[in-house]
Amino acid sequence: YAIVKAVFDNLDTLRTAVAAAKDTSLEATAKLFGRLPIPFHPGAERYLKEKGLIK
């Protein structure tokens, strides 16, 4: 949970430092929920729920 929160709370800094993260967004991440062959980490799921992006 803490890692996902830190990443998305500091996304602008991450995008500046890591070119591959330029298209990263919370909304895009939420769209992947339930669509990947492996489940999201429970902490990541909790964060997305807190943000109201998944049920």
PDB file of N, CA and C in Angstrom:
ATOM      1  N   TYR A   1       0.822  -1.198   0.000  1.00  0.00           N
ATOM      2  CA  TYR A   1       0.000   0.000   0.000  1.00  0.00           C
ATOM      3  C   TYR A   1       0.863   1.257   0.000  1.00  0.00           C
ATOM      4  N   ALA A   2       1.836   1.277   0.896  1.00  0.00           N
ATOM      5  CA  ALA A   2       2.673   2.471   1.042  1.00  0.00           C
ATOM      6  C   ALA A   2       3.455   2.780  -0.231  1.00  0.00           C
ATOM      7  N   ILE A   3       3.907   1.747  -0.924  1.00  0.00           N
ATOM      8  CA  ILE A   3       4.669   1.973  -2.160  1.00  0.00           C
ATOM      9  C   ILE A   3       3.767   2.538  -3.249  1.00  0.00           C
ATOM     10  N   VAL A   4       2.592   1.954  -3.423  1.00  0.00           N
ATOM     11  CA  VAL A   4       1.654   2.442  -4.449  1.00  0.00           C
ATOM     12  C   VAL A   4       1.235   3.871  -4.130  1.00  0.00           C
ATOM     13  N   LYS A   5       0.953   4.145  -2.873  1.00  0.00           N
ATOM     14  CA  LYS A   5       0.576   5.504  -2.462  1.00  0.00           C
ATOM     15  C   LYS A   5       1.709   6.485  -2.752  1.00  0.00           C
ATOM     16  N   ALA A   6       2.937   6.105  -2.411  1.00  0.00           N
ATOM     17  CA  ALA A   6       4.089   6.984  -2.649  1.00  0.00           C
ATOM     18  C   ALA A   6       4.281   7.255  -4.136  1.00  0.00           C
ATOM     19  N   VAL A   7       4.127   6.229  -4.955  1.00  0.00           N
ATOM     20  CA  VAL A   7       4.283   6.404  -6.408  1.00  0.00           C
ATOM     21  C   VAL A   7       3.251   7.388  -6.935  1.00  0.00           C
ATOM     22  N   PHE A   8       1.982   7.154  -6.628  1.00  0.00           N
ATOM     23  CA  PHE A   8       0.939   7.997  -7.207  1.00  0.00           C
ATOM     24  C   PHE A   8       0.823   9.366  -6.539  1.00  0.00           C
ATOM     25  N   ASP A   9       1.227   9.485  -5.292  1.00  0.00           N
ATOM     26  CA  ASP A   9       1.252  10.797  -4.648  1.00  0.00           C
ATOM     27  C   ASP A   9       2.390  11.667  -5.185  1.00  0.00           C
ATOM     28  N   ASN A  10       3.372  11.038  -5.806  1.00  0.00           N
ATOM     29  CA  ASN A  10       4.540  11.749  -6.337  1.00  0.00           C
ATOM     30  C   ASN A  10       4.723  11.481  -7.824  1.00  0.00           C
ATOM     31  N   LEU A  11       3.632  11.306  -8.525  1.00  0.00           N
ATOM     32  CA  LEU A  11       3.685  10.904  -9.925  1.00  0.00           C
ATOM     33  C   LEU A  11       4.398  11.924 -10.807  1.00  0.00           C
ATOM     34  N   ASP A  12       4.218  13.193 -10.556  1.00  0.00           N
ATOM     35  CA  ASP A  12       4.906  14.206 -11.371  1.00  0.00           C
ATOM     36  C   ASP A  12       6.423  14.076 -11.250  1.00  0.00           C
ATOM     37  N   THR A  13       6.894  13.835 -10.047  1.00  0.00           N
ATOM     38  CA  THR A  13       8.333  13.645  -9.833  1.00  0.00           C
ATOM     39  C   THR A  13       8.814  12.391 -10.550  1.00  0.00           C
ATOM     40  N   LEU A  14       8.055  11.319 -10.456  1.00  0.00           N
ATOM     41  CA  LEU A  14       8.417  10.074 -11.134  1.00  0.00           C
ATOM     42  C   LEU A  14       8.478  10.276 -12.639  1.00  0.00           C
ATOM     43  N   ARG A  15       7.490  10.946 -13.188  1.00  0.00           N
ATOM     44  CA  ARG A  15       7.468  11.191 -14.639  1.00  0.00           C
ATOM     45  C   ARG A  15       8.681  12.003 -15.090  1.00  0.00           C
ATOM     46  N   THR A  16       9.105  12.944 -14.272  1.00  0.00           N
ATOM     47  CA  THR A  16      10.280  13.756 -14.595  1.00  0.00           C
ATOM     48  C   THR A  16      11.557  12.918 -14.557  1.00  0.00           C
ATOM     49  N   ALA A  17      11.638  12.018 -13.609  1.00  0.00           N
ATOM     50  CA  ALA A  17      12.856  11.231 -13.401  1.00  0.00           C
ATOM     51  C   ALA A  17      12.950   9.991 -14.282  1.00  0.00           C
ATOM     52  N   VAL A  18      11.806   9.442 -14.684  1.00  0.00           N
ATOM     53  CA  VAL A  18      11.795   8.171 -15.414  1.00  0.00           C
ATOM     54  C   VAL A  18      10.972   8.334 -16.688  1.00  0.00           C
ATOM     55  N   ALA A  19      11.637   8.358 -17.812  1.00  0.00           N
ATOM     56  CA  ALA A  19      10.956   8.572 -19.092  1.00  0.00           C
ATOM     57  C   ALA A  19       9.867   7.530 -19.345  1.00  0.00           C
ATOM     58  N   ALA A  20      10.093   6.298 -18.943  1.00  0.00           N
ATOM     59  CA  ALA A  20       9.117   5.227 -19.179  1.00  0.00           C
ATOM     60  C   ALA A  20       7.816   5.440 -18.398  1.00  0.00           C
ATOM     61  N   ALA A  21       7.824   6.309 -17.410  1.00  0.00           N
ATOM     62  CA  ALA A  21       6.638   6.559 -16.591  1.00  0.00           C
ATOM     63  C   ALA A  21       5.792   7.717 -17.109  1.00  0.00           C
ATOM     64  N   LYS A  22       6.164   8.291 -18.243  1.00  0.00           N
ATOM     65  CA  LYS A  22       5.470   9.497 -18.711  1.00  0.00           C
ATOM     66  C   LYS A  22       3.983   9.286 -18.966  1.00  0.00           C
ATOM     67  N   ASP A  23       3.583   8.077 -19.323  1.00  0.00           N
ATOM     68  CA  ASP A  23       2.170   7.803 -19.595  1.00  0.00           C
ATOM     69  C   ASP A  23       1.464   7.116 -18.430  1.00  0.00           C
ATOM     70  N   THR A  24       2.137   6.976 -17.319  1.00  0.00           N
ATOM     71  CA  THR A  24       1.551   6.324 -16.150  1.00  0.00           C
ATOM     72  C   THR A  24       0.464   7.213 -15.556  1.00  0.00           C
ATOM     73  N   SER A  25      -0.660   6.601 -15.222  1.00  0.00           N
ATOM     74  CA  SER A  25      -1.723   7.343 -14.552  1.00  0.00           C
ATOM     75  C   SER A  25      -2.488   6.401 -13.634  1.00  0.00           C
ATOM     76  N   LEU A  26      -3.106   6.958 -12.640  1.00  0.00           N
ATOM     77  CA  LEU A  26      -3.909   6.177 -11.713  1.00  0.00           C
ATOM     78  C   LEU A  26      -5.096   5.557 -12.439  1.00  0.00           C
ATOM     79  N   GLU A  27      -5.691   6.313 -13.333  1.00  0.00           N
ATOM     80  CA  GLU A  27      -6.850   5.820 -14.079  1.00  0.00           C
ATOM     81  C   GLU A  27      -6.476   4.646 -14.980  1.00  0.00           C
ATOM     82  N   ALA A  28      -5.339   4.745 -15.652  1.00  0.00           N
ATOM     83  CA  ALA A  28      -4.891   3.654 -16.526  1.00  0.00           C
ATOM     84  C   ALA A  28      -4.582   2.404 -15.706  1.00  0.00           C
ATOM     85  N   THR A  29      -4.009   2.606 -14.545  1.00  0.00           N
ATOM     86  CA  THR A  29      -3.709   1.479 -13.668  1.00  0.00           C
ATOM     87  C   THR A  29      -4.999   0.812 -13.212  1.00  0.00           C
ATOM     88  N   ALA A  30      -5.989   1.600 -12.846  1.00  0.00           N
ATOM     89  CA  ALA A  30      -7.268   1.053 -12.400  1.00  0.00           C
ATOM     90  C   ALA A  30      -7.948   0.258 -13.509  1.00  0.00           C
ATOM     91  N   LYS A  31      -7.779   0.671 -14.757  1.00  0.00           N
ATOM     92  CA  LYS A  31      -8.388  -0.053 -15.881  1.00  0.00           C
ATOM     93  C   LYS A  31      -7.818  -1.456 -16.033  1.00  0.00           C
ATOM     94  N   LEU A  32      -6.610  -1.676 -15.527  1.00  0.00           N
ATOM     95  CA  LEU A  32      -5.984  -2.999 -15.602  1.00  0.00           C
ATOM     96  C   LEU A  32      -6.507  -3.955 -14.536  1.00  0.00           C
ATOM     97  N   PHE A  33      -7.160  -3.412 -13.518  1.00  0.00           N
ATOM     98  CA  PHE A  33      -7.632  -4.241 -12.409  1.00  0.00           C
ATOM     99  C   PHE A  33      -8.581  -5.323 -12.918  1.00  0.00           C
ATOM    100  N   GLY A  34      -8.271  -6.572 -12.596  1.00  0.00           N
ATOM    101  CA  GLY A  34      -9.104  -7.696 -13.013  1.00  0.00           C
ATOM    102  C   GLY A  34      -8.861  -8.168 -14.429  1.00  0.00           C
ATOM    103  N   ARG A  35      -7.960  -7.531 -15.157  1.00  0.00           N
ATOM    104  CA  ARG A  35      -7.709  -7.890 -16.552  1.00  0.00           C
ATOM    105  C   ARG A  35      -6.356  -8.572 -16.755  1.00  0.00           C
ATOM    106  N   LEU A  36      -5.555  -8.635 -15.718  1.00  0.00           N
ATOM    107  CA  LEU A  36      -4.226  -9.225 -15.827  1.00  0.00           C
ATOM    108  C   LEU A  36      -4.261 -10.685 -15.376  1.00  0.00           C
ATOM    109  N   PRO A  37      -3.321 -11.494 -15.842  1.00  0.00           N
ATOM    110  CA  PRO A  37      -3.316 -12.904 -15.443  1.00  0.00           C
ATOM    111  C   PRO A  37      -2.934 -13.125 -13.979  1.00  0.00           C
ATOM    112  N   ILE A  38      -2.379 -12.107 -13.334  1.00  0.00           N
ATOM    113  CA  ILE A  38      -2.081 -12.199 -11.903  1.00  0.00           C
ATOM    114  C   ILE A  38      -2.852 -11.099 -11.184  1.00  0.00           C
ATOM    115  N   PRO A  39      -3.253 -11.350  -9.944  1.00  0.00           N
ATOM    116  CA  PRO A  39      -4.030 -10.331  -9.223  1.00  0.00           C
ATOM    117  C   PRO A  39      -3.165  -9.165  -8.764  1.00  0.00           C
ATOM    118  N   PHE A  40      -3.808  -8.046  -8.545  1.00  0.00           N
ATOM    119  CA  PHE A  40      -3.132  -6.894  -7.951  1.00  0.00           C
ATOM    120  C   PHE A  40      -2.774  -7.233  -6.503  1.00  0.00           C
ATOM    121  N   HIS A  41      -1.727  -6.620  -6.015  1.00  0.00           N
ATOM    122  CA  HIS A  41      -1.361  -6.750  -4.605  1.00  0.00           C
ATOM    123  C   HIS A  41      -2.505  -6.166  -3.770  1.00  0.00           C
ATOM    124  N   PRO A  42      -2.831  -6.768  -2.629  1.00  0.00           N
ATOM    125  CA  PRO A  42      -3.912  -6.235  -1.795  1.00  0.00           C
ATOM    126  C   PRO A  42      -3.735  -4.759  -1.432  1.00  0.00           C
ATOM    127  N   GLY A  43      -2.513  -4.316  -1.246  1.00  0.00           N
ATOM    128  CA  GLY A  43      -2.272  -2.904  -0.934  1.00  0.00           C
ATOM    129  C   GLY A  43      -2.604  -1.995  -2.100  1.00  0.00           C
ATOM    130  N   ALA A  44      -2.287  -2.440  -3.313  1.00  0.00           N
ATOM    131  CA  ALA A  44      -2.625  -1.665  -4.510  1.00  0.00           C
ATOM    132  C   ALA A  44      -4.138  -1.610  -4.680  1.00  0.00           C
ATOM    133  N   GLU A  45      -4.786  -2.733  -4.448  1.00  0.00           N
ATOM    134  CA  GLU A  45      -6.248  -2.777  -4.531  1.00  0.00           C
ATOM    135  C   GLU A  45      -6.872  -1.823  -3.511  1.00  0.00           C
ATOM    136  N   ARG A  46      -6.353  -1.824  -2.302  1.00  0.00           N
ATOM    137  CA  ARG A  46      -6.850  -0.914  -1.257  1.00  0.00           C
ATOM    138  C   ARG A  46      -6.721   0.540  -1.687  1.00  0.00           C
ATOM    139  N   TYR A  47      -5.568   0.905  -2.237  1.00  0.00           N
ATOM    140  CA  TYR A  47      -5.345   2.289  -2.662  1.00  0.00           C
ATOM    141  C   TYR A  47      -6.336   2.687  -3.755  1.00  0.00           C
ATOM    142  N   LEU A  48      -6.526   1.825  -4.743  1.00  0.00           N
ATOM    143  CA  LEU A  48      -7.466   2.130  -5.826  1.00  0.00           C
ATOM    144  C   LEU A  48      -8.895   2.253  -5.301  1.00  0.00           C
ATOM    145  N   LYS A  49      -9.252   1.426  -4.327  1.00  0.00           N
ATOM    146  CA  LYS A  49     -10.581   1.532  -3.711  1.00  0.00           C
ATOM    147  C   LYS A  49     -10.728   2.857  -2.967  1.00  0.00           C
ATOM    148  N   GLU A  50      -9.705   3.243  -2.226  1.00  0.00           N
ATOM    149  CA  GLU A  50      -9.753   4.512  -1.492  1.00  0.00           C
ATOM    150  C   GLU A  50      -9.925   5.698  -2.431  1.00  0.00           C
ATOM    151  N   LYS A  51      -9.362   5.596  -3.616  1.00  0.00           N
ATOM    152  CA  LYS A  51      -9.470   6.670  -4.605  1.00  0.00           C
ATOM    153  C   LYS A  51     -10.785   6.594  -5.379  1.00  0.00           C
ATOM    154  N   GLY A  52     -11.583   5.560  -5.116  1.00  0.00           N
ATOM    155  CA  GLY A  52     -12.881   5.418  -5.766  1.00  0.00           C
ATOM    156  C   GLY A  52     -12.805   4.949  -7.211  1.00  0.00           C
ATOM    157  N   LEU A  53     -11.700   4.307  -7.575  1.00  0.00           N
ATOM    158  CA  LEU A  53     -11.518   3.888  -8.963  1.00  0.00           C
ATOM    159  C   LEU A  53     -11.921   2.445  -9.223  1.00  0.00           C
ATOM    160  N   ILE A  54     -12.031   1.643  -8.172  1.00  0.00           N
ATOM    161  CA  ILE A  54     -12.540   0.277  -8.300  1.00  0.00           C
ATOM    162  C   ILE A  54     -13.470   0.017  -7.123  1.00  0.00           C
ATOM    163  N   LYS A  55     -14.271  -1.017  -7.254  1.00  0.00           N
ATOM    164  CA  LYS A  55     -15.205  -1.368  -6.172  1.00  0.00           C
ATOM    165  C   LYS A  55     -14.654  -2.497  -5.349  1.00  0.00           C
TER     166      LYS A  55
END
